[in-house]
């Protein structure tokens, strides 16, 4: 597949997963105080790391930034999202 297409797919996955899953999870953790003993607050640094990948995901839709390096960065983020998603859900 073309690098531009893969980059846009990765960018879409990052944006959609942040909007539908990780941002609401982060808000729920902050408002609940991390649960009864505050253990849920330990997840916030990992969620903020996922949120920081929104910038390269948005840059994937600009034609000037469609490079192999950006595709690798977005691919690493998609792998992290899959790992966190399946560990939190399952």
PDB file of N, CA and C in Angstrom:
ATOM      1  N   UNK A   1       0.826  -1.175   0.000  1.00  0.00           N
ATOM      2  CA  UNK A   1       0.000   0.000   0.000  1.00  0.00           C
ATOM      3  C   UNK A   1       0.872   1.241   0.000  1.00  0.00           C
ATOM      4  N   UNK A   2       0.282   2.304  -0.439  1.00  0.00           N
ATOM      5  CA  UNK A   2       0.983   3.565  -0.489  1.00  0.00           C
ATOM      6  C   UNK A   2       1.169   4.119   0.923  1.00  0.00           C
ATOM      7  N   UNK A   3       2.279   4.799   1.154  1.00  0.00           N
ATOM      8  CA  UNK A   3       2.582   5.366   2.469  1.00  0.00           C
ATOM      9  C   UNK A   3       1.539   6.397   2.879  1.00  0.00           C
ATOM     10  N   UNK A   4       1.016   7.145   1.924  1.00  0.00           N
ATOM     11  CA  UNK A   4       0.006   8.162   2.240  1.00  0.00           C
ATOM     12  C   UNK A   4      -1.282   7.533   2.741  1.00  0.00           C
ATOM     13  N   UNK A   5      -1.687   6.434   2.114  1.00  0.00           N
ATOM     14  CA  UNK A   5      -2.930   5.763   2.509  1.00  0.00           C
ATOM     15  C   UNK A   5      -2.781   5.155   3.898  1.00  0.00           C
ATOM     16  N   UNK A   6      -1.662   4.488   4.153  1.00  0.00           N
ATOM     17  CA  UNK A   6      -1.424   3.877   5.463  1.00  0.00           C
ATOM     18  C   UNK A   6      -1.370   4.948   6.540  1.00  0.00           C
ATOM     19  N   UNK A   7      -0.733   6.063   6.230  1.00  0.00           N
ATOM     20  CA  UNK A   7      -0.620   7.158   7.185  1.00  0.00           C
ATOM     21  C   UNK A   7      -2.001   7.734   7.531  1.00  0.00           C
ATOM     22  N   UNK A   8      -2.856   7.872   6.540  1.00  0.00           N
ATOM     23  CA  UNK A   8      -4.207   8.383   6.794  1.00  0.00           C
ATOM     24  C   UNK A   8      -5.053   7.386   7.576  1.00  0.00           C
ATOM     25  N   UNK A   9      -4.868   6.096   7.316  1.00  0.00           N
ATOM     26  CA  UNK A   9      -5.589   5.074   8.074  1.00  0.00           C
ATOM     27  C   UNK A   9      -5.149   5.094   9.535  1.00  0.00           C
ATOM     28  N   UNK A  10      -3.829   5.149   9.768  1.00  0.00           N
ATOM     29  CA  UNK A  10      -3.319   5.213  11.135  1.00  0.00           C
ATOM     30  C   UNK A  10      -3.797   6.481  11.835  1.00  0.00           C
ATOM     31  N   UNK A  11      -3.767   7.601  11.133  1.00  0.00           N
ATOM     32  CA  UNK A  11      -4.236   8.851  11.714  1.00  0.00           C
ATOM     33  C   UNK A  11      -5.706   8.793  12.083  1.00  0.00           C
ATOM     34  N   UNK A  12      -6.501   8.179  11.231  1.00  0.00           N
ATOM     35  CA  UNK A  12      -7.935   8.043  11.522  1.00  0.00           C
ATOM     36  C   UNK A  12      -8.179   7.162  12.739  1.00  0.00           C
ATOM     37  N   UNK A  13      -7.438   6.065  12.847  1.00  0.00           N
ATOM     38  CA  UNK A  13      -7.584   5.167  13.994  1.00  0.00           C
ATOM     39  C   UNK A  13      -7.214   5.891  15.283  1.00  0.00           C
ATOM     40  N   UNK A  14      -6.144   6.680  15.256  1.00  0.00           N
ATOM     41  CA  UNK A  14      -5.705   7.400  16.445  1.00  0.00           C
ATOM     42  C   UNK A  14      -6.755   8.429  16.866  1.00  0.00           C
ATOM     43  N   UNK A  15      -7.254   9.199  15.919  1.00  0.00           N
ATOM     44  CA  UNK A  15      -8.228  10.243  16.238  1.00  0.00           C
ATOM     45  C   UNK A  15      -9.536   9.642  16.752  1.00  0.00           C
ATOM     46  N   UNK A  16     -10.033   8.617  16.084  1.00  0.00           N
ATOM     47  CA  UNK A  16     -11.303   8.006  16.487  1.00  0.00           C
ATOM     48  C   UNK A  16     -11.182   7.336  17.858  1.00  0.00           C
ATOM     49  N   UNK A  17     -10.081   6.628  18.095  1.00  0.00           N
ATOM     50  CA  UNK A  17      -9.934   5.960  19.389  1.00  0.00           C
ATOM     51  C   UNK A  17      -9.781   6.963  20.524  1.00  0.00           C
ATOM     52  N   UNK A  18      -9.119   8.087  20.261  1.00  0.00           N
ATOM     53  CA  UNK A  18      -9.020   9.112  21.294  1.00  0.00           C
ATOM     54  C   UNK A  18     -10.378   9.728  21.584  1.00  0.00           C
ATOM     55  N   UNK A  19     -11.128  10.041  20.542  1.00  0.00           N
ATOM     56  CA  UNK A  19     -12.413  10.705  20.748  1.00  0.00           C
ATOM     57  C   UNK A  19     -13.453   9.791  21.388  1.00  0.00           C
ATOM     58  N   UNK A  20     -13.441   8.523  21.037  1.00  0.00           N
ATOM     59  CA  UNK A  20     -14.482   7.619  21.517  1.00  0.00           C
ATOM     60  C   UNK A  20     -14.123   6.853  22.781  1.00  0.00           C
ATOM     61  N   UNK A  21     -12.831   6.661  23.055  1.00  0.00           N
ATOM     62  CA  UNK A  21     -12.475   5.791  24.171  1.00  0.00           C
ATOM     63  C   UNK A  21     -11.538   6.448  25.182  1.00  0.00           C
ATOM     64  N   UNK A  22     -10.399   6.967  24.739  1.00  0.00           N
ATOM     65  CA  UNK A  22      -9.368   7.382  25.677  1.00  0.00           C
ATOM     66  C   UNK A  22      -9.658   8.719  26.358  1.00  0.00           C
ATOM     67  N   UNK A  23     -10.218   9.689  25.662  1.00  0.00           N
ATOM     68  CA  UNK A  23     -10.544  10.966  26.303  1.00  0.00           C
ATOM     69  C   UNK A  23     -11.669  10.796  27.327  1.00  0.00           C
ATOM     70  N   UNK A  24     -12.773  10.078  27.004  1.00  0.00           N
ATOM     71  CA  UNK A  24     -13.783   9.847  28.061  1.00  0.00           C
ATOM     72  C   UNK A  24     -13.253   9.035  29.244  1.00  0.00           C
ATOM     73  N   UNK A  25     -12.354   8.086  28.979  1.00  0.00           N
ATOM     74  CA  UNK A  25     -11.768   7.305  30.070  1.00  0.00           C
ATOM     75  C   UNK A  25     -10.921   8.188  30.970  1.00  0.00           C
ATOM     76  N   UNK A  26     -10.172   9.115  30.381  1.00  0.00           N
ATOM     77  CA  UNK A  26      -9.345  10.026  31.153  1.00  0.00           C
ATOM     78  C   UNK A  26     -10.208  10.960  31.996  1.00  0.00           C
ATOM     79  N   UNK A  27     -11.282  11.473  31.427  1.00  0.00           N
ATOM     80  CA  UNK A  27     -12.186  12.359  32.162  1.00  0.00           C
ATOM     81  C   UNK A  27     -12.849  11.603  33.320  1.00  0.00           C
ATOM     82  N   UNK A  28     -13.249  10.361  33.066  1.00  0.00           N
ATOM     83  CA  UNK A  28     -13.873   9.550  34.120  1.00  0.00           C
ATOM     84  C   UNK A  28     -12.892   9.288  35.259  1.00  0.00           C
ATOM     85  N   UNK A  29     -11.630   9.013  34.920  1.00  0.00           N
ATOM     86  CA  UNK A  29     -10.617   8.786  35.947  1.00  0.00           C
ATOM     87  C   UNK A  29     -10.387  10.023  36.798  1.00  0.00           C
ATOM     88  N   UNK A  30     -10.336  11.180  36.159  1.00  0.00           N
ATOM     89  CA  UNK A  30     -10.073  12.415  36.901  1.00  0.00           C
ATOM     90  C   UNK A  30     -11.254  12.756  37.807  1.00  0.00           C
ATOM     91  N   UNK A  31     -12.475  12.662  37.293  1.00  0.00           N
ATOM     92  CA  UNK A  31     -13.645  13.018  38.095  1.00  0.00           C
ATOM     93  C   UNK A  31     -13.909  12.041  39.239  1.00  0.00           C
ATOM     94  N   UNK A  32     -13.587  10.775  39.031  1.00  0.00           N
ATOM     95  CA  UNK A  32     -13.835   9.804  40.099  1.00  0.00           C
ATOM     96  C   UNK A  32     -12.690   9.750  41.101  1.00  0.00           C
ATOM     97  N   UNK A  33     -11.625  10.457  40.837  1.00  0.00           N
ATOM     98  CA  UNK A  33     -10.484  10.435  41.750  1.00  0.00           C
ATOM     99  C   UNK A  33      -9.695   9.150  41.669  1.00  0.00           C
ATOM    100  N   UNK A  34      -9.852   8.416  40.608  1.00  0.00           N
ATOM    101  CA  UNK A  34      -9.103   7.187  40.421  1.00  0.00           C
ATOM    102  C   UNK A  34      -9.700   5.977  41.092  1.00  0.00           C
ATOM    103  N   UNK A  35     -10.927   6.097  41.559  1.00  0.00           N
ATOM    104  CA  UNK A  35     -11.550   4.960  42.215  1.00  0.00           C
ATOM    105  C   UNK A  35     -11.405   5.052  43.722  1.00  0.00           C
ATOM    106  N   UNK A  36     -11.747   3.970  44.428  1.00  0.00           N
ATOM    107  CA  UNK A  36     -11.749   4.015  45.892  1.00  0.00           C
ATOM    108  C   UNK A  36     -10.384   4.305  46.511  1.00  0.00           C
ATOM    109  N   UNK A  37      -9.330   3.786  45.930  1.00  0.00           N
ATOM    110  CA  UNK A  37      -8.005   3.998  46.514  1.00  0.00           C
ATOM    111  C   UNK A  37      -7.105   4.850  45.631  1.00  0.00           C
ATOM    112  N   UNK A  38      -7.634   5.391  44.559  1.00  0.00           N
ATOM    113  CA  UNK A  38      -6.850   6.249  43.681  1.00  0.00           C
ATOM    114  C   UNK A  38      -5.938   5.508  42.730  1.00  0.00           C
ATOM    115  N   UNK A  39      -6.144   4.212  42.574  1.00  0.00           N
ATOM    116  CA  UNK A  39      -5.282   3.413  41.705  1.00  0.00           C
ATOM    117  C   UNK A  39      -5.472   3.788  40.239  1.00  0.00           C
ATOM    118  N   UNK A  40      -6.665   4.217  39.860  1.00  0.00           N
ATOM    119  CA  UNK A  40      -6.930   4.581  38.474  1.00  0.00           C
ATOM    120  C   UNK A  40      -6.142   5.788  38.001  1.00  0.00           C
ATOM    121  N   UNK A  41      -5.644   6.585  38.941  1.00  0.00           N
ATOM    122  CA  UNK A  41      -4.838   7.747  38.562  1.00  0.00           C
ATOM    123  C   UNK A  41      -3.487   7.344  37.979  1.00  0.00           C
ATOM    124  N   UNK A  42      -3.079   6.104  38.214  1.00  0.00           N
ATOM    125  CA  UNK A  42      -1.826   5.623  37.639  1.00  0.00           C
ATOM    126  C   UNK A  42      -1.909   5.474  36.123  1.00  0.00           C
ATOM    127  N   UNK A  43      -3.117   5.394  35.577  1.00  0.00           N
ATOM    128  CA  UNK A  43      -3.296   5.248  34.131  1.00  0.00           C
ATOM    129  C   UNK A  43      -3.189   6.573  33.398  1.00  0.00           C
ATOM    130  N   UNK A  44      -3.284   7.683  34.106  1.00  0.00           N
ATOM    131  CA  UNK A  44      -3.311   8.992  33.444  1.00  0.00           C
ATOM    132  C   UNK A  44      -2.041   9.277  32.634  1.00  0.00           C
ATOM    133  N   UNK A  45      -0.827   8.979  33.116  1.00  0.00           N
ATOM    134  CA  UNK A  45       0.347   9.239  32.256  1.00  0.00           C
ATOM    135  C   UNK A  45       0.325   8.458  30.946  1.00  0.00           C
ATOM    136  N   UNK A  46      -0.175   7.232  30.977  1.00  0.00           N
ATOM    137  CA  UNK A  46      -0.257   6.448  29.749  1.00  0.00           C
ATOM    138  C   UNK A  46      -1.320   7.010  28.805  1.00  0.00           C
ATOM    139  N   UNK A  47      -2.431   7.479  29.369  1.00  0.00           N
ATOM    140  CA  UNK A  47      -3.468   8.074  28.542  1.00  0.00           C
ATOM    141  C   UNK A  47      -3.004   9.405  27.944  1.00  0.00           C
ATOM    142  N   UNK A  48      -2.252  10.179  28.719  1.00  0.00           N
ATOM    143  CA  UNK A  48      -1.723  11.440  28.188  1.00  0.00           C
ATOM    144  C   UNK A  48      -0.713  11.186  27.070  1.00  0.00           C
ATOM    145  N   UNK A  49       0.028  10.098  27.166  1.00  0.00           N
ATOM    146  CA  UNK A  49       0.946   9.733  26.081  1.00  0.00           C
ATOM    147  C   UNK A  49       0.173   9.451  24.797  1.00  0.00           C
ATOM    148  N   UNK A  50      -0.942   8.755  24.913  1.00  0.00           N
ATOM    149  CA  UNK A  50      -1.783   8.493  23.751  1.00  0.00           C
ATOM    150  C   UNK A  50      -2.369   9.794  23.214  1.00  0.00           C
ATOM    151  N   UNK A  51      -2.754  10.709  24.113  1.00  0.00           N
ATOM    152  CA  UNK A  51      -3.300  11.997  23.667  1.00  0.00           C
ATOM    153  C   UNK A  51      -2.251  12.821  22.925  1.00  0.00           C
ATOM    154  N   UNK A  52      -0.982  12.676  23.296  1.00  0.00           N
ATOM    155  CA  UNK A  52       0.066  13.463  22.624  1.00  0.00           C
ATOM    156  C   UNK A  52       0.269  13.038  21.171  1.00  0.00           C
ATOM    157  N   UNK A  53      -0.177  11.841  20.831  1.00  0.00           N
ATOM    158  CA  UNK A  53      -0.053  11.386  19.445  1.00  0.00           C
ATOM    159  C   UNK A  53      -1.158  11.940  18.545  1.00  0.00           C
ATOM    160  N   UNK A  54      -2.041  12.757  19.080  1.00  0.00           N
ATOM    161  CA  UNK A  54      -3.053  13.402  18.240  1.00  0.00           C
ATOM    162  C   UNK A  54      -2.417  14.387  17.258  1.00  0.00           C
ATOM    163  N   UNK A  55      -1.315  14.998  17.647  1.00  0.00           N
ATOM    164  CA  UNK A  55      -0.655  15.972  16.770  1.00  0.00           C
ATOM    165  C   UNK A  55      -0.122  15.300  15.506  1.00  0.00           C
ATOM    166  N   UNK A  56       0.680  14.223  15.606  1.00  0.00           N
ATOM    167  CA  UNK A  56       1.107  13.573  14.348  1.00  0.00           C
ATOM    168  C   UNK A  56      -0.053  12.956  13.566  1.00  0.00           C
ATOM    169  N   UNK A  57      -1.115  12.554  14.269  1.00  0.00           N
ATOM    170  CA  UNK A  57      -2.269  11.986  13.570  1.00  0.00           C
ATOM    171  C   UNK A  57      -2.953  13.047  12.723  1.00  0.00           C
ATOM    172  N   UNK A  58      -3.053  14.263  13.248  1.00  0.00           N
ATOM    173  CA  UNK A  58      -3.659  15.349  12.472  1.00  0.00           C
ATOM    174  C   UNK A  58      -2.746  15.788  11.328  1.00  0.00           C
ATOM    175  N   UNK A  59      -1.437  15.711  11.553  1.00  0.00           N
ATOM    176  CA  UNK A  59      -0.494  16.078  10.486  1.00  0.00           C
ATOM    177  C   UNK A  59      -0.507  15.079   9.339  1.00  0.00           C
ATOM    178  N   UNK A  60      -1.017  13.884   9.575  1.00  0.00           N
ATOM    179  CA  UNK A  60      -1.067  12.861   8.523  1.00  0.00           C
ATOM    180  C   UNK A  60      -1.986  13.269   7.382  1.00  0.00           C
ATOM    181  N   UNK A  61      -2.925  14.174   7.645  1.00  0.00           N
ATOM    182  CA  UNK A  61      -3.863  14.586   6.605  1.00  0.00           C
ATOM    183  C   UNK A  61      -3.367  15.776   5.800  1.00  0.00           C
ATOM    184  N   UNK A  62      -2.214  16.322   6.161  1.00  0.00           N
ATOM    185  CA  UNK A  62      -1.591  17.384   5.368  1.00  0.00           C
ATOM    186  C   UNK A  62      -0.632  16.732   4.373  1.00  0.00           C
ATOM    187  N   UNK A  63      -0.691  17.134   3.134  1.00  0.00           N
ATOM    188  CA  UNK A  63       0.134  16.491   2.107  1.00  0.00           C
ATOM    189  C   UNK A  63       1.623  16.795   2.304  1.00  0.00           C
ATOM    190  N   UNK A  64       1.933  17.899   2.980  1.00  0.00           N
ATOM    191  CA  UNK A  64       3.334  18.257   3.180  1.00  0.00           C
ATOM    192  C   UNK A  64       4.024  17.325   4.172  1.00  0.00           C
ATOM    193  N   UNK A  65       3.266  16.721   5.072  1.00  0.00           N
ATOM    194  CA  UNK A  65       3.844  15.913   6.140  1.00  0.00           C
ATOM    195  C   UNK A  65       3.727  14.414   5.899  1.00  0.00           C
ATOM    196  N   UNK A  66       3.338  13.988   4.725  1.00  0.00           N
ATOM    197  CA  UNK A  66       3.216  12.557   4.452  1.00  0.00           C
ATOM    198  C   UNK A  66       4.590  11.965   4.186  1.00  0.00           C
ATOM    199  N   UNK A  67       5.270  11.578   5.261  1.00  0.00           N
ATOM    200  CA  UNK A  67       6.601  10.993   5.153  1.00  0.00           C
ATOM    201  C   UNK A  67       6.607   9.625   5.816  1.00  0.00           C
ATOM    202  N   UNK A  68       7.664   8.898   5.562  1.00  0.00           N
ATOM    203  CA  UNK A  68       7.807   7.572   6.153  1.00  0.00           C
ATOM    204  C   UNK A  68       7.971   7.666   7.665  1.00  0.00           C
ATOM    205  N   UNK A  69       8.681   8.708   8.124  1.00  0.00           N
ATOM    206  CA  UNK A  69       8.896   8.860   9.568  1.00  0.00           C
ATOM    207  C   UNK A  69       7.578   9.062  10.310  1.00  0.00           C
ATOM    208  N   UNK A  70       6.701   9.870   9.732  1.00  0.00           N
ATOM    209  CA  UNK A  70       5.404  10.105  10.361  1.00  0.00           C
ATOM    210  C   UNK A  70       4.558   8.833  10.367  1.00  0.00           C
ATOM    211  N   UNK A  71       4.676   8.030   9.321  1.00  0.00           N
ATOM    212  CA  UNK A  71       3.964   6.753   9.275  1.00  0.00           C
ATOM    213  C   UNK A  71       4.473   5.816  10.363  1.00  0.00           C
ATOM    214  N   UNK A  72       5.779   5.819  10.610  1.00  0.00           N
ATOM    215  CA  UNK A  72       6.343   4.968  11.661  1.00  0.00           C
ATOM    216  C   UNK A  72       5.862   5.437  13.032  1.00  0.00           C
ATOM    217  N   UNK A  73       5.854   6.760  13.262  1.00  0.00           N
ATOM    218  CA  UNK A  73       5.373   7.301  14.534  1.00  0.00           C
ATOM    219  C   UNK A  73       3.912   6.935  14.749  1.00  0.00           C
ATOM    220  N   UNK A  74       3.093   7.103  13.729  1.00  0.00           N
ATOM    221  CA  UNK A  74       1.672   6.756  13.849  1.00  0.00           C
ATOM    222  C   UNK A  74       1.475   5.253  14.022  1.00  0.00           C
ATOM    223  N   UNK A  75       2.314   4.456  13.390  1.00  0.00           N
ATOM    224  CA  UNK A  75       2.232   2.999  13.555  1.00  0.00           C
ATOM    225  C   UNK A  75       2.565   2.563  14.970  1.00  0.00           C
ATOM    226  N   UNK A  76       3.560   3.222  15.575  1.00  0.00           N
ATOM    227  CA  UNK A  76       3.903   2.931  16.971  1.00  0.00           C
ATOM    228  C   UNK A  76       2.735   3.282  17.873  1.00  0.00           C
ATOM    229  N   UNK A  77       2.092   4.403  17.604  1.00  0.00           N
ATOM    230  CA  UNK A  77       0.939   4.811  18.415  1.00  0.00           C
ATOM    231  C   UNK A  77      -0.229   3.841  18.243  1.00  0.00           C
ATOM    232  N   UNK A  78      -0.473   3.377  17.037  1.00  0.00           N
ATOM    233  CA  UNK A  78      -1.556   2.409  16.819  1.00  0.00           C
ATOM    234  C   UNK A  78      -1.260   1.118  17.578  1.00  0.00           C
ATOM    235  N   UNK A  79      -0.004   0.704  17.618  1.00  0.00           N
ATOM    236  CA  UNK A  79       0.361  -0.491  18.384  1.00  0.00           C
ATOM    237  C   UNK A  79       0.135  -0.267  19.881  1.00  0.00           C
ATOM    238  N   UNK A  80       0.475   0.936  20.382  1.00  0.00           N
ATOM    239  CA  UNK A  80       0.241   1.246  21.787  1.00  0.00           C
ATOM    240  C   UNK A  80      -1.248   1.293  22.103  1.00  0.00           C
ATOM    241  N   UNK A  81      -2.027   1.859  21.187  1.00  0.00           N
ATOM    242  CA  UNK A  81      -3.473   1.924  21.379  1.00  0.00           C
ATOM    243  C   UNK A  81      -4.066   0.519  21.437  1.00  0.00           C
ATOM    244  N   UNK A  82      -3.630  -0.351  20.535  1.00  0.00           N
ATOM    245  CA  UNK A  82      -4.139  -1.729  20.536  1.00  0.00           C
ATOM    246  C   UNK A  82      -3.766  -2.435  21.841  1.00  0.00           C
ATOM    247  N   UNK A  83      -2.533  -2.234  22.297  1.00  0.00           N
ATOM    248  CA  UNK A  83      -2.093  -2.867  23.542  1.00  0.00           C
ATOM    249  C   UNK A  83      -2.909  -2.365  24.726  1.00  0.00           C
ATOM    250  N   UNK A  84      -3.066  -1.042  24.863  1.00  0.00           N
ATOM    251  CA  UNK A  84      -3.826  -0.489  25.984  1.00  0.00           C
ATOM    252  C   UNK A  84      -5.305  -0.834  25.893  1.00  0.00           C
ATOM    253  N   UNK A  85      -5.849  -0.773  24.692  1.00  0.00           N
ATOM    254  CA  UNK A  85      -7.274  -1.056  24.518  1.00  0.00           C
ATOM    255  C   UNK A  85      -7.603  -2.483  24.933  1.00  0.00           C
ATOM    256  N   UNK A  86      -6.805  -3.442  24.488  1.00  0.00           N
ATOM    257  CA  UNK A  86      -7.098  -4.841  24.810  1.00  0.00           C
ATOM    258  C   UNK A  86      -6.760  -5.181  26.247  1.00  0.00           C
ATOM    259  N   UNK A  87      -5.828  -4.458  26.871  1.00  0.00           N
ATOM    260  CA  UNK A  87      -5.549  -4.702  28.280  1.00  0.00           C
ATOM    261  C   UNK A  87      -6.608  -4.076  29.181  1.00  0.00           C
ATOM    262  N   UNK A  88      -7.173  -2.954  28.773  1.00  0.00           N
ATOM    263  CA  UNK A  88      -8.205  -2.314  29.589  1.00  0.00           C
ATOM    264  C   UNK A  88      -9.537  -3.032  29.429  1.00  0.00           C
ATOM    265  N   UNK A  89      -9.884  -3.392  28.194  1.00  0.00           N
ATOM    266  CA  UNK A  89     -11.173  -4.031  27.924  1.00  0.00           C
ATOM    267  C   UNK A  89     -11.191  -5.483  28.403  1.00  0.00           C
ATOM    268  N   UNK A  90     -10.143  -6.233  28.106  1.00  0.00           N
ATOM    269  CA  UNK A  90     -10.138  -7.658  28.460  1.00  0.00           C
ATOM    270  C   UNK A  90      -9.482  -7.837  29.758  1.00  0.00           C
TER     271      UNK A  90
END
